[in-house]
Structure formats: structure tokens, C-alpha cells
Amino acid sequence: MRKTISGTAMATHKSSIIRARQTIRRNEINRARRSNIQGLVKEVETAVAAKDEAAAKKAQKAAESALARGASRGTLHWKTAARKTSRLAKRVKALKKSK
């Protein structure tokens, strides 16, 4: 790597230039996927807070699917996805018991 006028590092070999481009693209995709997952998890949490069991179950299904997809594609670590899925299920299940 060498310095450019702007001060950021620039790849010099062809393979490292390609890798740098791929990294930027993957970073954008992963950021979007993580953001989507966070939104779906938030939906479950708001439904649980509102004590809306039907909405919580529906949102939980979508969130679990997104978490599994994120883990399988390498956006999230599989244990992180499993932990979040477990905690969401625990909260939704607690709604049923509180009735």
C-alpha cells in the first residue's frame, strides 16, 4: 500500500485493488443487512412492550428468519444470531404466561 495525496492508503497490486473494491461493496451490503435485522428485532421488542401477542409472534418470525439469514451469510456470528433469537423467543413466550 502507498499513500495518496488525500492521505488514505491505496492498493498497488491488481489483486489488492480488486479486494479493496469487493470490501467496500460487502461492507455496504452487510451494513444494510445489519440495519434491517436491528429494525426487525426492534419491532418484536415494541410489540412485546405493547403486550400485543399476535404482532409479537408475527414480528418474531420475521426477525428469526433475518437473523438466521445474516448468520448464514456471515453478517453476524452464528452464536450472536442464536443468542438474539433465544432472547426474543423468551420475551414472546413470557407474554403468553402473563395473560
C-alpha atoms as a PDB file:
ATOM      1  CA  MET A   1       0.000   0.000   0.000  1.00  0.00           C
ATOM      2  CA  ARG A   2       1.146   3.504  -0.669  1.00  0.00           C
ATOM      3  CA  LYS A   3      -0.075   6.906   0.430  1.00  0.00           C
ATOM      4  CA  THR A   4      -2.034   9.094  -1.942  1.00  0.00           C
ATOM      5  CA  ILE A   5      -2.398  12.851  -1.984  1.00  0.00           C
ATOM      6  CA  SER A   6      -5.582  12.642   0.133  1.00  0.00           C
ATOM      7  CA  GLY A   7      -3.677  10.700   2.789  1.00  0.00           C
ATOM      8  CA  THR A   8      -5.596   7.407   2.504  1.00  0.00           C
ATOM      9  CA  ALA A   9      -3.895   4.138   1.692  1.00  0.00           C
ATOM     10  CA  MET A  10      -4.212   2.941  -1.885  1.00  0.00           C
ATOM     11  CA  ALA A  11      -3.707  -0.612  -3.106  1.00  0.00           C
ATOM     12  CA  THR A  12      -0.990  -1.135  -5.723  1.00  0.00           C
ATOM     13  CA  HIS A  13      -1.327  -4.778  -6.843  1.00  0.00           C
ATOM     14  CA  LYS A  14      -4.151  -5.773  -9.137  1.00  0.00           C
ATOM     15  CA  SER A  15      -5.498  -8.392  -6.716  1.00  0.00           C
ATOM     16  CA  SER A  16      -5.439  -5.971  -3.778  1.00  0.00           C
ATOM     17  CA  ILE A  17      -7.249  -3.319  -5.857  1.00  0.00           C
ATOM     18  CA  ILE A  18      -9.993  -5.843  -6.644  1.00  0.00           C
ATOM     19  CA  ARG A  19     -10.142  -6.928  -2.981  1.00  0.00           C
ATOM     20  CA  ALA A  20     -10.445  -3.311  -1.846  1.00  0.00           C
ATOM     21  CA  ARG A  21     -13.378  -2.804  -4.221  1.00  0.00           C
ATOM     22  CA  GLN A  22     -15.057  -6.004  -3.026  1.00  0.00           C
ATOM     23  CA  THR A  23     -14.560  -4.997   0.611  1.00  0.00           C
ATOM     24  CA  ILE A  24     -16.340  -1.689   0.061  1.00  0.00           C
ATOM     25  CA  ARG A  25     -19.248  -3.452  -1.648  1.00  0.00           C
ATOM     26  CA  ARG A  26     -19.540  -6.171   1.036  1.00  0.00           C
ATOM     27  CA  ASN A  27     -19.323  -3.534   3.766  1.00  0.00           C
ATOM     28  CA  GLU A  28     -22.330  -1.688   2.313  1.00  0.00           C
ATOM     29  CA  ILE A  29     -24.329  -4.913   1.940  1.00  0.00           C
ATOM     30  CA  ASN A  30     -23.504  -6.070   5.482  1.00  0.00           C
ATOM     31  CA  ARG A  31     -24.342  -2.669   6.941  1.00  0.00           C
ATOM     32  CA  ALA A  32     -27.744  -2.696   5.212  1.00  0.00           C
ATOM     33  CA  ARG A  33     -28.426  -6.262   6.334  1.00  0.00           C
ATOM     34  CA  ARG A  34     -27.464  -5.498   9.958  1.00  0.00           C
ATOM     35  CA  SER A  35     -29.643  -2.401   9.922  1.00  0.00           C
ATOM     36  CA  ASN A  36     -32.592  -4.437   8.614  1.00  0.00           C
ATOM     37  CA  ILE A  37     -32.082  -7.049  11.337  1.00  0.00           C
ATOM     38  CA  GLN A  38     -31.959  -4.355  14.036  1.00  0.00           C
ATOM     39  CA  GLY A  39     -35.242  -2.920  12.757  1.00  0.00           C
ATOM     40  CA  LEU A  40     -36.947  -6.320  12.801  1.00  0.00           C
ATOM     41  CA  VAL A  41     -35.698  -7.040  16.337  1.00  0.00           C
ATOM     42  CA  LYS A  42     -36.955  -3.613  17.415  1.00  0.00           C
ATOM     43  CA  GLU A  43     -40.420  -4.464  16.008  1.00  0.00           C
ATOM     44  CA  VAL A  44     -40.573  -7.545  18.244  1.00  0.00           C
ATOM     45  CA  GLU A  45     -39.459  -5.544  21.273  1.00  0.00           C
ATOM     46  CA  THR A  46     -42.065  -2.813  20.700  1.00  0.00           C
ATOM     47  CA  ALA A  47     -44.811  -5.423  20.229  1.00  0.00           C
ATOM     48  CA  VAL A  48     -43.747  -7.128  23.468  1.00  0.00           C
ATOM     49  CA  ALA A  49     -43.705  -3.772  25.274  1.00  0.00           C
ATOM     50  CA  ALA A  50     -47.236  -3.097  23.983  1.00  0.00           C
ATOM     51  CA  LYS A  51     -48.242  -6.628  25.113  1.00  0.00           C
ATOM     52  CA  ASP A  52     -49.543  -7.399  21.600  1.00  0.00           C
ATOM     53  CA  GLU A  53     -49.016 -11.159  21.359  1.00  0.00           C
ATOM     54  CA  ALA A  54     -50.171 -11.589  17.735  1.00  0.00           C
ATOM     55  CA  ALA A  55     -47.953  -8.783  16.443  1.00  0.00           C
ATOM     56  CA  ALA A  56     -45.040 -10.032  18.544  1.00  0.00           C
ATOM     57  CA  LYS A  57     -45.292 -13.549  17.101  1.00  0.00           C
ATOM     58  CA  LYS A  58     -45.503 -12.242  13.547  1.00  0.00           C
ATOM     59  CA  ALA A  59     -42.541  -9.912  14.067  1.00  0.00           C
ATOM     60  CA  GLN A  60     -40.602 -12.674  15.836  1.00  0.00           C
ATOM     61  CA  LYS A  61     -40.950 -14.968  12.837  1.00  0.00           C
ATOM     62  CA  ALA A  62     -39.554 -12.277  10.510  1.00  0.00           C
ATOM     63  CA  ALA A  63     -36.736 -11.396  12.923  1.00  0.00           C
ATOM     64  CA  GLU A  64     -35.690 -15.029  13.420  1.00  0.00           C
ATOM     65  CA  SER A  65     -35.574 -15.537   9.666  1.00  0.00           C
ATOM     66  CA  ALA A  66     -33.448 -12.421   9.155  1.00  0.00           C
ATOM     67  CA  LEU A  67     -31.104 -13.401  11.992  1.00  0.00           C
ATOM     68  CA  ALA A  68     -30.603 -16.884  10.525  1.00  0.00           C
ATOM     69  CA  ARG A  69     -30.001 -15.404   7.076  1.00  0.00           C
ATOM     70  CA  GLY A  70     -27.489 -12.931   8.490  1.00  0.00           C
ATOM     71  CA  ALA A  71     -25.638 -15.712  10.287  1.00  0.00           C
ATOM     72  CA  SER A  72     -25.551 -17.980   7.249  1.00  0.00           C
ATOM     73  CA  ARG A  73     -24.201 -15.185   5.035  1.00  0.00           C
ATOM     74  CA  GLY A  74     -21.541 -14.114   7.503  1.00  0.00           C
ATOM     75  CA  THR A  75     -23.015 -10.768   8.503  1.00  0.00           C
ATOM     76  CA  LEU A  76     -23.471 -11.911  12.107  1.00  0.00           C
ATOM     77  CA  HIS A  77     -21.644 -14.551  14.080  1.00  0.00           C
ATOM     78  CA  TRP A  78     -23.871 -17.624  14.390  1.00  0.00           C
ATOM     79  CA  LYS A  79     -23.727 -17.538  18.187  1.00  0.00           C
ATOM     80  CA  THR A  80     -24.843 -13.897  18.198  1.00  0.00           C
ATOM     81  CA  ALA A  81     -27.808 -14.795  15.994  1.00  0.00           C
ATOM     82  CA  ALA A  82     -28.664 -17.776  18.218  1.00  0.00           C
ATOM     83  CA  ARG A  83     -28.466 -15.648  21.369  1.00  0.00           C
ATOM     84  CA  LYS A  84     -30.697 -12.916  19.935  1.00  0.00           C
ATOM     85  CA  THR A  85     -33.203 -15.475  18.621  1.00  0.00           C
ATOM     86  CA  SER A  86     -33.337 -17.181  22.009  1.00  0.00           C
ATOM     87  CA  ARG A  87     -33.863 -13.940  23.913  1.00  0.00           C
ATOM     88  CA  LEU A  88     -36.622 -12.810  21.548  1.00  0.00           C
ATOM     89  CA  ALA A  89     -38.395 -16.163  21.889  1.00  0.00           C
ATOM     90  CA  LYS A  90     -38.107 -15.924  25.673  1.00  0.00           C
ATOM     91  CA  ARG A  91     -39.739 -12.463  25.699  1.00  0.00           C
ATOM     92  CA  VAL A  92     -42.569 -13.501  23.374  1.00  0.00           C
ATOM     93  CA  LYS A  93     -43.188 -16.636  25.432  1.00  0.00           C
ATOM     94  CA  ALA A  94     -43.354 -14.541  28.611  1.00  0.00           C
ATOM     95  CA  LEU A  95     -46.253 -12.596  27.045  1.00  0.00           C
ATOM     96  CA  LYS A  96     -48.313 -15.764  26.881  1.00  0.00           C
ATOM     97  CA  LYS A  97     -47.613 -16.610  30.539  1.00  0.00           C
ATOM     98  CA  SER A  98     -48.501 -13.104  31.746  1.00  0.00           C
ATOM     99  CA  LYS A  99     -52.085 -13.467  30.473  1.00  0.00           C
END
